[in-house]
Structure formats: C-alpha cells, structure tokens
C-alpha cells in the first residue's frame, strides 16, 4: 500500500500530539485529585495508564519516520516532522511527571501526601498545569502561533507558585519535618517541570510554523 500524502501525515501527526497532550493533562488531573483526596486507587489508575502516552509517542515516531523516508520533506514540512518527534518526547515526559506524582501518593498511602499548609497551593499548581497542557494540545492541533507564544507568559504563574512553595518550606515554624519537606519539594518540581514541557511543546510548534524562535514572535 502506498504511503498517505504528506499533508495527510502532517495532519495525523498534529492530531496525535494533541491526543498526547490531552492524555498528559488527564493523567496529571487525576494524579492531583488522588493526591488531594488521598485516593490510592485513582493514583494506581494513573500509573497503569502511563502506557497509553508511551504508545502514542511510538505512533508519532513511526508516522514521522514514514514521512521522512517516503516524502523527503523540506523547509516547513521538514520542520513540522522533526518538531513533532521532539514534541512527542516532551509530552511523554509530561506523562512521566504525572506518573511520579501518582507514585508518591501510592508510596505515602494511607498517610496523606500533603500537609494542610500546602494543599491549596498544589490545587492551584495542578489546575494551572492541566490548563497549560490543554492549551498546548490546542496549539499543536491548530498551529496557532500567537496562542503558542502566550503559553510562555502563562507559565510565569507556575513559577510564582513554585517559588512560593520554597518560602513555605523555609519558614522556621514549618512543623512537619524534613521528610515531608523533601516530598513537597519533589512534587512542586514535578508540576513546574510539567508546565515547562508544555511550553517547550508550544515553542516547537512556533518553530515548525515560522522557522523562528518564539522570543522573536511579537504577541
């Protein structure tokens, strides 16, 4: 059977990347819910579901390889294929970070993962990270450059929350000891890195569409 036309393969790559972003967003949303509600079964569902994102990445790489072998794309088409491969790697890491959150919940069960002082902060970090991932899904599907550039600004809010977490942990009155502080430091890092990867995915789309780095695109 002859390969599909290049434009069809590029469309399929965009759709697969969108599915990956949505899957990563769903995984982190469930992991956050499990963490806030001490729901170990939900955490285990996130862990078991990580293979879905890995499978989607494999499909992206297979399709991208076919596009390179059979169509020898150039210019913008070549950027689109290469950027899809790179973006799939970043989205897979987003899924892995959601997995790590769920693993901490399972490891700490039946004890709560979070002390009361930081629950609201993590709820906000979780909501923001999911929002960024869903926005990245829209970006890779629509190839909307202006929306992609906006993600970098949206990520600033996550950086503020991440820095605030260290202020809480460094407070001399922190009552929960070192092990809890280590857990919270790692969890906050997972959310911050998840958001960073969503931004990188959007940046890959900007480069694929324009051939320019996102910093050079005016909003």
Foldseek 3Di string as FASTA:
>chain_A
DDDDDLVVLLLVLLLLLLVLLLLLLVLLLQLLVCQLVLPLVSLVVLLVPLVVLVVSLVVLVVSLVCCCVRPVDDDLSVLSSVLSNVLSVLSSVSSVLSNVSSVQSNVCPPPRLADPVCSVLSVVLSVLLSVLSNLLSVCSNVLDLVSLLVLVVSLVVLVVSLVVLVVQLPPPPPDPDDVSNVSVNSNSVSSSSSSVSSSSSSQSSNCSVPVDGSVVDDD
